[in-house]
Amino acid sequence: MNSFVIKVKVKGETEWTDNGMYFPSREDAEAWASDMGSRWTLGQETRMERDTKPPNYHYVNGSLKQIVASKN
């Protein structure tokens, strides 16, 4: 399953980094990035990438909800 992750480049750094939060939809990732960006001032640039890791968070009505992987 594909997911979406937000990457941030901090002022003075050359590498992009993320916080390990993978979202099931582009909309969830964009909403989280907007919320995070309004509170976090260290980020100089942000971008969204598609990833092969399974989603581990939803962003619903302004709140993060962790997705717990089922044990089969």
Protein backbone atom coordinates (compact mmCIF):
# COMPACT_ATOMS: atom_id res chain seq x y z
CA MET A 1 0.00 0.00 0.00
CA ASN A 2 1.26 3.46 -0.81
CA SER A 3 1.30 6.37 1.58
CA PHE A 4 2.17 10.05 1.57
CA VAL A 5 4.85 11.62 3.77
CA ILE A 6 5.71 15.25 4.41
CA LYS A 7 9.41 16.12 4.18
CA VAL A 8 10.87 19.28 5.70
CA LYS A 9 14.12 21.10 5.09
CA VAL A 10 15.22 23.14 8.11
CA LYS A 11 16.94 26.47 7.63
CA GLY A 12 20.70 25.97 7.30
CA GLU A 13 20.41 22.26 6.41
CA THR A 14 20.76 20.60 3.03
CA GLU A 15 18.93 17.33 3.77
CA TRP A 16 15.18 16.71 3.75
CA THR A 17 13.78 14.90 6.79
CA ASP A 18 10.45 13.57 7.99
CA ASN A 19 8.90 12.60 11.30
CA GLY A 20 7.91 9.05 10.37
CA MET A 21 4.26 9.92 9.83
CA TYR A 22 2.81 8.27 6.72
CA PHE A 23 -0.70 9.17 5.62
CA PRO A 24 -3.15 7.14 3.51
CA SER A 25 -4.18 10.08 1.34
CA ARG A 26 -2.73 13.19 -0.19
CA GLU A 27 -5.49 15.20 1.54
CA ASP A 28 -4.50 13.90 4.99
CA ALA A 29 -0.83 14.71 4.36
CA GLU A 30 -1.60 18.19 3.02
CA ALA A 31 -3.87 18.98 5.99
CA TRP A 32 -1.21 17.82 8.44
CA ALA A 33 1.48 19.86 6.66
CA SER A 34 -0.69 22.96 6.82
CA ASP A 35 -1.38 22.45 10.52
CA MET A 36 2.26 21.68 11.32
CA GLY A 37 3.47 24.65 9.28
CA SER A 38 1.25 27.04 11.20
CA ARG A 39 2.92 26.05 14.49
CA TRP A 40 6.48 25.11 13.55
CA THR A 41 8.71 27.94 12.39
CA LEU A 42 11.99 26.06 11.85
CA GLY A 43 10.91 24.51 8.56
CA GLN A 44 12.19 26.44 5.57
CA GLU A 45 10.70 24.26 2.83
CA THR A 46 8.22 21.39 2.73
CA ARG A 47 7.36 18.82 0.12
CA MET A 48 5.15 15.77 -0.11
CA GLU A 49 6.39 12.41 -1.37
CA ARG A 50 4.69 9.16 -2.15
CA ASP A 51 6.15 6.23 -0.19
CA THR A 52 5.81 2.44 -0.13
CA LYS A 53 5.54 2.27 3.67
CA PRO A 54 2.08 1.53 5.06
CA PRO A 55 0.14 4.51 6.41
CA ASN A 56 0.42 4.91 10.17
CA TYR A 57 -1.63 8.10 10.74
CA HIS A 58 -4.89 9.70 9.63
CA TYR A 59 -5.56 13.40 10.02
CA VAL A 60 -9.27 13.77 10.78
CA ASN A 61 -11.09 16.98 11.72
CA GLY A 62 -7.88 18.65 12.89
CA SER A 63 -6.66 15.67 14.92
CA LEU A 64 -4.04 13.00 14.34
CA LYS A 65 -5.27 9.43 14.68
CA GLN A 66 -2.71 6.65 14.79
CA ILE A 67 -3.42 3.64 12.60
CA VAL A 68 -2.65 0.49 14.53
CA ALA A 69 -1.44 -2.33 12.32
CA SER A 70 -3.42 -5.52 12.72
CA LYS A 71 -1.57 -8.65 13.78
CA ASN A 72 -2.42 -11.56 11.52
